Amino acid sequence: MGKRAGIALILIIAAGLLYWASGQLGWTEVALVAELEEGVPHLYEIDDVSLYVVLLESGPIALKTDDPHPKACEIRWNDENSLFGEPCLGSTYQVDGSYFLGPSPRGMDHYSVRIKNGAVQVRLGSVTLGEERE
């Protein structure tokens, strides 16, 4: 491969990485704050990623639906008991994603969130692990 071809290949790879990073690490608008009811989880699907946005008194949070336990199923909100639940192993979580009961090693993981121009934005490339259970 010649010097020019090598430089061109490097530029193509760098451009591809920048494109990928901008989609993965950038902020994505999910909802308007005014449309969210405090304490009521809303399920969203963004680029094949499911997440819950919950407006708490302290502000909005975005929770992953993937359970922290490696053998568990996807987490879903249960209106009847006002808890998140994982149906395969039985872990449950409170509305803020904190651990409540079951084999999960920690609370629900969450994405970085910000409010911009009245909209809740989520950064899918930025995940914080849930708090370890006691």
N, C-alpha and C. Protein backbone atom coordinates (compact mmCIF):
# COMPACT_ATOMS: atom_id res chain seq x y z
N MET A 1 0.85 -1.16 0.00
CA MET A 1 0.00 0.00 0.00
C MET A 1 0.90 1.23 0.00
N GLY A 2 0.58 2.18 -0.87
CA GLY A 2 1.36 3.40 -0.95
C GLY A 2 1.06 4.35 0.18
N LYS A 3 1.91 5.35 0.31
CA LYS A 3 1.77 6.33 1.39
C LYS A 3 0.43 7.06 1.31
N ARG A 4 0.01 7.47 0.10
CA ARG A 4 -1.26 8.18 -0.06
C ARG A 4 -2.45 7.30 0.28
N ALA A 5 -2.39 6.05 -0.14
CA ALA A 5 -3.48 5.12 0.16
C ALA A 5 -3.58 4.89 1.67
N GLY A 6 -2.44 4.80 2.34
CA GLY A 6 -2.44 4.62 3.80
C GLY A 6 -3.04 5.81 4.52
N ILE A 7 -2.70 7.02 4.08
CA ILE A 7 -3.25 8.23 4.68
C ILE A 7 -4.76 8.30 4.43
N ALA A 8 -5.17 7.96 3.21
CA ALA A 8 -6.61 7.97 2.88
C ALA A 8 -7.36 6.97 3.75
N LEU A 9 -6.79 5.79 3.97
CA LEU A 9 -7.43 4.79 4.81
C LEU A 9 -7.56 5.29 6.25
N ILE A 10 -6.52 5.91 6.77
CA ILE A 10 -6.56 6.47 8.12
C ILE A 10 -7.65 7.52 8.23
N LEU A 11 -7.76 8.40 7.23
CA LEU A 11 -8.80 9.44 7.25
C LEU A 11 -10.20 8.85 7.20
N ILE A 12 -10.38 7.81 6.40
CA ILE A 12 -11.69 7.15 6.30
C ILE A 12 -12.05 6.51 7.64
N ILE A 13 -11.10 5.84 8.27
CA ILE A 13 -11.35 5.20 9.56
C ILE A 13 -11.66 6.27 10.62
N ALA A 14 -10.89 7.36 10.63
CA ALA A 14 -11.12 8.43 11.61
C ALA A 14 -12.50 9.05 11.41
N ALA A 15 -12.90 9.27 10.17
CA ALA A 15 -14.22 9.84 9.90
C ALA A 15 -15.33 8.90 10.38
N GLY A 16 -15.14 7.61 10.13
CA GLY A 16 -16.12 6.62 10.59
C GLY A 16 -16.23 6.57 12.10
N LEU A 17 -15.10 6.65 12.79
CA LEU A 17 -15.12 6.66 14.25
C LEU A 17 -15.80 7.91 14.79
N LEU A 18 -15.54 9.05 14.20
CA LEU A 18 -16.20 10.28 14.63
C LEU A 18 -17.70 10.21 14.41
N TYR A 19 -18.11 9.68 13.27
CA TYR A 19 -19.54 9.51 12.99
C TYR A 19 -20.18 8.59 14.03
N TRP A 20 -19.54 7.47 14.31
CA TRP A 20 -20.06 6.52 15.29
C TRP A 20 -20.13 7.16 16.67
N ALA A 21 -19.07 7.84 17.09
CA ALA A 21 -19.03 8.46 18.42
C ALA A 21 -20.08 9.54 18.56
N SER A 22 -20.32 10.31 17.52
CA SER A 22 -21.31 11.38 17.62
C SER A 22 -22.70 10.80 17.86
N GLY A 23 -23.02 9.67 17.27
CA GLY A 23 -24.31 9.04 17.49
C GLY A 23 -24.40 8.35 18.83
N GLN A 24 -23.31 7.72 19.26
CA GLN A 24 -23.31 6.97 20.50
C GLN A 24 -23.14 7.85 21.73
N LEU A 25 -22.37 8.90 21.62
CA LEU A 25 -22.05 9.70 22.80
C LEU A 25 -22.81 11.02 22.85
N GLY A 26 -23.50 11.36 21.79
CA GLY A 26 -24.22 12.62 21.75
C GLY A 26 -25.51 12.57 22.56
N TRP A 27 -26.13 13.72 22.69
CA TRP A 27 -27.38 13.84 23.43
C TRP A 27 -28.55 13.62 22.48
N THR A 28 -29.54 12.86 22.92
CA THR A 28 -30.74 12.57 22.15
C THR A 28 -31.95 13.06 22.91
N GLU A 29 -32.79 13.86 22.25
CA GLU A 29 -34.01 14.34 22.89
C GLU A 29 -35.00 13.20 23.00
N VAL A 30 -35.57 13.06 24.21
CA VAL A 30 -36.48 11.96 24.47
C VAL A 30 -37.91 12.45 24.70
N ALA A 31 -38.07 13.49 25.51
CA ALA A 31 -39.41 13.95 25.87
C ALA A 31 -39.36 15.40 26.30
N LEU A 32 -40.52 16.01 26.36
CA LEU A 32 -40.62 17.36 26.93
C LEU A 32 -40.93 17.22 28.41
N VAL A 33 -40.26 18.01 29.22
CA VAL A 33 -40.46 17.94 30.67
C VAL A 33 -41.93 18.17 31.01
N ALA A 34 -42.57 19.11 30.31
CA ALA A 34 -43.97 19.45 30.59
C ALA A 34 -44.92 18.29 30.35
N GLU A 35 -44.52 17.31 29.55
CA GLU A 35 -45.37 16.16 29.25
C GLU A 35 -45.21 15.02 30.26
N LEU A 36 -44.23 15.11 31.15
CA LEU A 36 -43.98 14.05 32.12
C LEU A 36 -44.72 14.32 33.42
N GLU A 37 -45.30 13.27 33.97
CA GLU A 37 -45.96 13.36 35.27
C GLU A 37 -45.01 12.82 36.33
N GLU A 38 -44.84 13.56 37.41
CA GLU A 38 -43.89 13.17 38.44
C GLU A 38 -44.19 11.77 38.99
N GLY A 39 -43.14 10.95 39.03
CA GLY A 39 -43.25 9.61 39.59
C GLY A 39 -43.85 8.56 38.68
N VAL A 40 -44.10 8.92 37.42
CA VAL A 40 -44.69 7.97 36.47
C VAL A 40 -43.66 7.65 35.38
N PRO A 41 -43.16 6.41 35.33
CA PRO A 41 -42.18 6.04 34.31
C PRO A 41 -42.78 6.01 32.91
N HIS A 42 -42.02 6.49 31.95
CA HIS A 42 -42.41 6.46 30.54
C HIS A 42 -41.36 5.67 29.78
N LEU A 43 -41.80 4.67 29.03
CA LEU A 43 -40.90 3.80 28.26
C LEU A 43 -40.66 4.40 26.88
N TYR A 44 -39.38 4.49 26.49
CA TYR A 44 -38.99 5.01 25.18
C TYR A 44 -38.05 4.02 24.50
N GLU A 45 -38.06 4.05 23.18
CA GLU A 45 -37.17 3.23 22.36
C GLU A 45 -36.37 4.18 21.48
N ILE A 46 -35.04 4.17 21.61
CA ILE A 46 -34.17 5.03 20.82
C ILE A 46 -33.08 4.16 20.22
N ASP A 47 -33.05 4.09 18.90
CA ASP A 47 -32.01 3.30 18.22
C ASP A 47 -31.88 1.90 18.80
N ASP A 48 -32.98 1.20 18.95
CA ASP A 48 -33.02 -0.16 19.50
C ASP A 48 -32.59 -0.24 20.96
N VAL A 49 -32.62 0.86 21.67
CA VAL A 49 -32.32 0.90 23.11
C VAL A 49 -33.60 1.28 23.84
N SER A 50 -34.04 0.43 24.76
CA SER A 50 -35.21 0.73 25.58
C SER A 50 -34.75 1.38 26.88
N LEU A 51 -35.49 2.40 27.31
CA LEU A 51 -35.16 3.07 28.57
C LEU A 51 -36.42 3.70 29.14
N TYR A 52 -36.40 3.88 30.45
CA TYR A 52 -37.48 4.57 31.14
C TYR A 52 -37.01 5.95 31.54
N VAL A 53 -37.86 6.95 31.31
CA VAL A 53 -37.61 8.29 31.82
C VAL A 53 -38.63 8.52 32.93
N VAL A 54 -38.13 8.94 34.09
CA VAL A 54 -38.98 9.20 35.24
C VAL A 54 -38.68 10.59 35.75
N LEU A 55 -39.73 11.39 35.91
CA LEU A 55 -39.56 12.72 36.50
C LEU A 55 -39.71 12.58 38.01
N LEU A 56 -38.62 12.86 38.72
CA LEU A 56 -38.64 12.84 40.18
C LEU A 56 -38.66 14.28 40.68
N GLU A 57 -38.85 14.46 41.96
CA GLU A 57 -38.82 15.81 42.54
C GLU A 57 -37.50 16.51 42.25
N SER A 58 -36.41 15.74 42.23
CA SER A 58 -35.07 16.28 41.99
C SER A 58 -34.78 16.51 40.51
N GLY A 59 -35.65 16.02 39.62
CA GLY A 59 -35.44 16.16 38.18
C GLY A 59 -35.60 14.82 37.48
N PRO A 60 -35.45 14.79 36.16
CA PRO A 60 -35.64 13.55 35.42
C PRO A 60 -34.45 12.61 35.52
N ILE A 61 -34.75 11.32 35.44
CA ILE A 61 -33.72 10.28 35.36
C ILE A 61 -34.07 9.38 34.18
N ALA A 62 -33.07 8.70 33.64
CA ALA A 62 -33.27 7.74 32.55
C ALA A 62 -32.68 6.41 32.97
N LEU A 63 -33.51 5.39 33.06
CA LEU A 63 -33.10 4.08 33.57
C LEU A 63 -33.02 3.05 32.45
N LYS A 64 -31.97 2.24 32.49
CA LYS A 64 -31.82 1.13 31.53
C LYS A 64 -32.85 0.05 31.85
N THR A 65 -33.34 -0.61 30.82
CA THR A 65 -34.25 -1.72 31.04
C THR A 65 -33.50 -3.05 31.18
N ASP A 66 -32.20 -3.05 30.91
CA ASP A 66 -31.38 -4.26 31.10
C ASP A 66 -31.14 -4.45 32.58
N ASP A 67 -31.49 -5.62 33.09
CA ASP A 67 -31.27 -5.89 34.51
C ASP A 67 -29.78 -6.07 34.78
N PRO A 68 -29.29 -5.59 35.93
CA PRO A 68 -27.87 -5.76 36.26
C PRO A 68 -27.44 -7.22 36.44
N HIS A 69 -28.37 -8.11 36.74
CA HIS A 69 -28.03 -9.52 36.90
C HIS A 69 -27.80 -10.13 35.52
N PRO A 70 -26.69 -10.85 35.31
CA PRO A 70 -26.35 -11.36 33.97
C PRO A 70 -27.33 -12.38 33.39
N LYS A 71 -28.12 -13.04 34.23
CA LYS A 71 -29.04 -14.07 33.73
C LYS A 71 -30.50 -13.60 33.73
N ALA A 72 -30.71 -12.33 33.93
CA ALA A 72 -32.07 -11.81 34.07
C ALA A 72 -32.66 -11.36 32.74
N CYS A 73 -33.95 -11.07 32.78
CA CYS A 73 -34.68 -10.57 31.62
C CYS A 73 -34.79 -9.04 31.70
N GLU A 74 -35.49 -8.48 30.73
CA GLU A 74 -35.65 -7.03 30.67
C GLU A 74 -36.61 -6.55 31.77
N ILE A 75 -36.29 -5.41 32.34
CA ILE A 75 -37.07 -4.81 33.42
C ILE A 75 -38.27 -4.07 32.85
N ARG A 76 -39.42 -4.21 33.51
CA ARG A 76 -40.64 -3.52 33.10
C ARG A 76 -41.32 -2.89 34.33
N TRP A 77 -42.04 -1.80 34.08
CA TRP A 77 -42.77 -1.11 35.14
C TRP A 77 -44.07 -1.86 35.41
N ASN A 78 -44.43 -1.98 36.69
CA ASN A 78 -45.67 -2.63 37.09
C ASN A 78 -46.54 -1.60 37.80
N ASP A 79 -47.62 -1.18 37.14
CA ASP A 79 -48.52 -0.17 37.72
C ASP A 79 -49.20 -0.66 38.99
N GLU A 80 -49.47 -1.97 39.08
CA GLU A 80 -50.21 -2.52 40.22
C GLU A 80 -49.48 -2.32 41.55
N ASN A 81 -48.17 -2.53 41.56
CA ASN A 81 -47.42 -2.39 42.81
C ASN A 81 -46.48 -1.18 42.80
N SER A 82 -46.51 -0.40 41.71
CA SER A 82 -45.67 0.80 41.57
C SER A 82 -44.19 0.50 41.78
N LEU A 83 -43.75 -0.61 41.16
CA LEU A 83 -42.35 -1.01 41.20
C LEU A 83 -41.92 -1.47 39.81
N PHE A 84 -40.64 -1.35 39.53
CA PHE A 84 -40.08 -1.99 38.35
C PHE A 84 -39.85 -3.45 38.70
N GLY A 85 -40.07 -4.34 37.76
CA GLY A 85 -39.87 -5.76 38.02
C GLY A 85 -39.18 -6.46 36.88
N GLU A 86 -38.39 -7.45 37.24
CA GLU A 86 -37.70 -8.31 36.27
C GLU A 86 -38.37 -9.67 36.40
N PRO A 87 -39.09 -10.14 35.37
CA PRO A 87 -39.94 -11.32 35.50
C PRO A 87 -39.23 -12.67 35.59
N CYS A 88 -38.01 -12.80 35.12
CA CYS A 88 -37.35 -14.11 35.09
C CYS A 88 -36.80 -14.53 36.45
N LEU A 89 -36.10 -13.64 37.13
CA LEU A 89 -35.50 -13.96 38.42
C LEU A 89 -36.21 -13.29 39.59
N GLY A 90 -37.03 -12.29 39.31
CA GLY A 90 -37.86 -11.69 40.35
C GLY A 90 -37.31 -10.47 41.05
N SER A 91 -36.27 -9.85 40.54
CA SER A 91 -35.77 -8.64 41.17
C SER A 91 -36.77 -7.50 40.98
N THR A 92 -36.85 -6.64 41.99
CA THR A 92 -37.72 -5.47 41.90
C THR A 92 -36.95 -4.23 42.31
N TYR A 93 -37.42 -3.09 41.77
CA TYR A 93 -36.74 -1.81 41.98
C TYR A 93 -37.79 -0.73 42.21
N GLN A 94 -37.43 0.27 42.99
CA GLN A 94 -38.33 1.38 43.24
C GLN A 94 -38.36 2.32 42.03
N VAL A 95 -39.26 3.28 42.05
CA VAL A 95 -39.47 4.16 40.91
C VAL A 95 -38.20 4.94 40.53
N ASP A 96 -37.30 5.15 41.49
CA ASP A 96 -36.05 5.85 41.20
C ASP A 96 -34.94 4.90 40.74
N GLY A 97 -35.28 3.62 40.56
CA GLY A 97 -34.32 2.62 40.10
C GLY A 97 -33.52 1.96 41.20
N SER A 98 -33.74 2.35 42.44
CA SER A 98 -32.98 1.75 43.54
C SER A 98 -33.47 0.32 43.81
N TYR A 99 -32.52 -0.52 44.24
CA TYR A 99 -32.80 -1.93 44.52
C TYR A 99 -33.87 -2.04 45.60
N PHE A 100 -34.79 -3.00 45.41
CA PHE A 100 -35.83 -3.24 46.42
C PHE A 100 -35.78 -4.68 46.92
N LEU A 101 -35.75 -5.66 45.99
CA LEU A 101 -35.83 -7.07 46.40
C LEU A 101 -35.34 -7.95 45.26
N GLY A 102 -34.77 -9.11 45.60
CA GLY A 102 -34.40 -10.10 44.59
C GLY A 102 -32.90 -10.29 44.44
N PRO A 103 -32.49 -11.11 43.46
CA PRO A 103 -31.09 -11.50 43.32
C PRO A 103 -30.19 -10.47 42.63
N SER A 104 -30.72 -9.39 42.13
CA SER A 104 -29.88 -8.41 41.44
C SER A 104 -28.79 -7.88 42.37
N PRO A 105 -27.59 -7.68 41.85
CA PRO A 105 -26.48 -7.20 42.69
C PRO A 105 -26.54 -5.70 43.02
N ARG A 106 -27.41 -4.95 42.31
CA ARG A 106 -27.45 -3.50 42.52
C ARG A 106 -28.74 -2.93 41.95
N GLY A 107 -28.91 -1.64 42.13
CA GLY A 107 -30.05 -0.94 41.55
C GLY A 107 -29.90 -0.86 40.03
N MET A 108 -30.91 -0.30 39.40
CA MET A 108 -30.92 -0.17 37.94
C MET A 108 -29.84 0.81 37.49
N ASP A 109 -29.21 0.50 36.37
CA ASP A 109 -28.23 1.40 35.77
C ASP A 109 -28.98 2.55 35.10
N HIS A 110 -28.30 3.69 34.98
CA HIS A 110 -28.98 4.83 34.37
C HIS A 110 -28.06 5.60 33.42
N TYR A 111 -28.70 6.31 32.51
CA TYR A 111 -28.01 7.13 31.53
C TYR A 111 -27.89 8.56 32.04
N SER A 112 -26.90 9.28 31.51
CA SER A 112 -26.79 10.71 31.81
C SER A 112 -27.99 11.43 31.19
N VAL A 113 -28.49 12.42 31.93
CA VAL A 113 -29.67 13.17 31.51
C VAL A 113 -29.40 14.65 31.69
N ARG A 114 -29.97 15.45 30.80
CA ARG A 114 -29.95 16.90 30.97
C ARG A 114 -31.25 17.46 30.40
N ILE A 115 -31.55 18.68 30.81
CA ILE A 115 -32.71 19.38 30.27
C ILE A 115 -32.18 20.54 29.44
N LYS A 116 -32.65 20.62 28.20
CA LYS A 116 -32.24 21.69 27.31
C LYS A 116 -33.48 22.20 26.58
N ASN A 117 -33.76 23.48 26.72
CA ASN A 117 -34.93 24.11 26.08
C ASN A 117 -36.22 23.37 26.42
N GLY A 118 -36.36 22.95 27.67
CA GLY A 118 -37.58 22.28 28.11
C GLY A 118 -37.69 20.82 27.73
N ALA A 119 -36.65 20.28 27.11
CA ALA A 119 -36.68 18.88 26.68
C ALA A 119 -35.70 18.04 27.50
N VAL A 120 -36.10 16.81 27.79
CA VAL A 120 -35.22 15.85 28.45
C VAL A 120 -34.35 15.23 27.37
N GLN A 121 -33.04 15.32 27.56
CA GLN A 121 -32.10 14.70 26.63
C GLN A 121 -31.32 13.63 27.37
N VAL A 122 -31.03 12.54 26.65
CA VAL A 122 -30.34 11.39 27.23
C VAL A 122 -29.07 11.14 26.42
N ARG A 123 -28.02 10.77 27.13
CA ARG A 123 -26.76 10.41 26.48
C ARG A 123 -26.59 8.89 26.59
N LEU A 124 -26.89 8.19 25.50
CA LEU A 124 -26.87 6.73 25.52
C LEU A 124 -25.48 6.15 25.71
N GLY A 125 -24.46 6.91 25.39
CA GLY A 125 -23.08 6.43 25.55
C GLY A 125 -22.53 6.63 26.94
N SER A 126 -23.34 7.12 27.85
CA SER A 126 -22.87 7.41 29.21
C SER A 126 -23.77 6.72 30.22
N VAL A 127 -23.29 5.59 30.74
CA VAL A 127 -24.08 4.79 31.69
C VAL A 127 -23.40 4.79 33.06
N THR A 128 -24.21 5.02 34.08
CA THR A 128 -23.74 4.94 35.46
C THR A 128 -24.37 3.69 36.08
N LEU A 129 -23.55 2.87 36.71
CA LEU A 129 -24.05 1.66 37.34
C LEU A 129 -24.92 2.01 38.55
N GLY A 130 -25.94 1.20 38.76
CA GLY A 130 -26.80 1.39 39.92
C GLY A 130 -26.04 1.14 41.21
N GLU A 131 -26.59 1.69 42.29
CA GLU A 131 -25.93 1.56 43.60
C GLU A 131 -25.95 0.10 44.06
N GLU A 132 -24.81 -0.35 44.57
CA GLU A 132 -24.70 -1.72 45.08
C GLU A 132 -25.70 -1.92 46.23
N ARG A 133 -26.31 -3.09 46.27
CA ARG A 133 -27.24 -3.37 47.37
C ARG A 133 -26.47 -3.70 48.64
N GLU A 134 -27.12 -3.50 49.74
CA GLU A 134 -26.46 -3.78 51.03
C GLU A 134 -26.63 -5.20 51.45
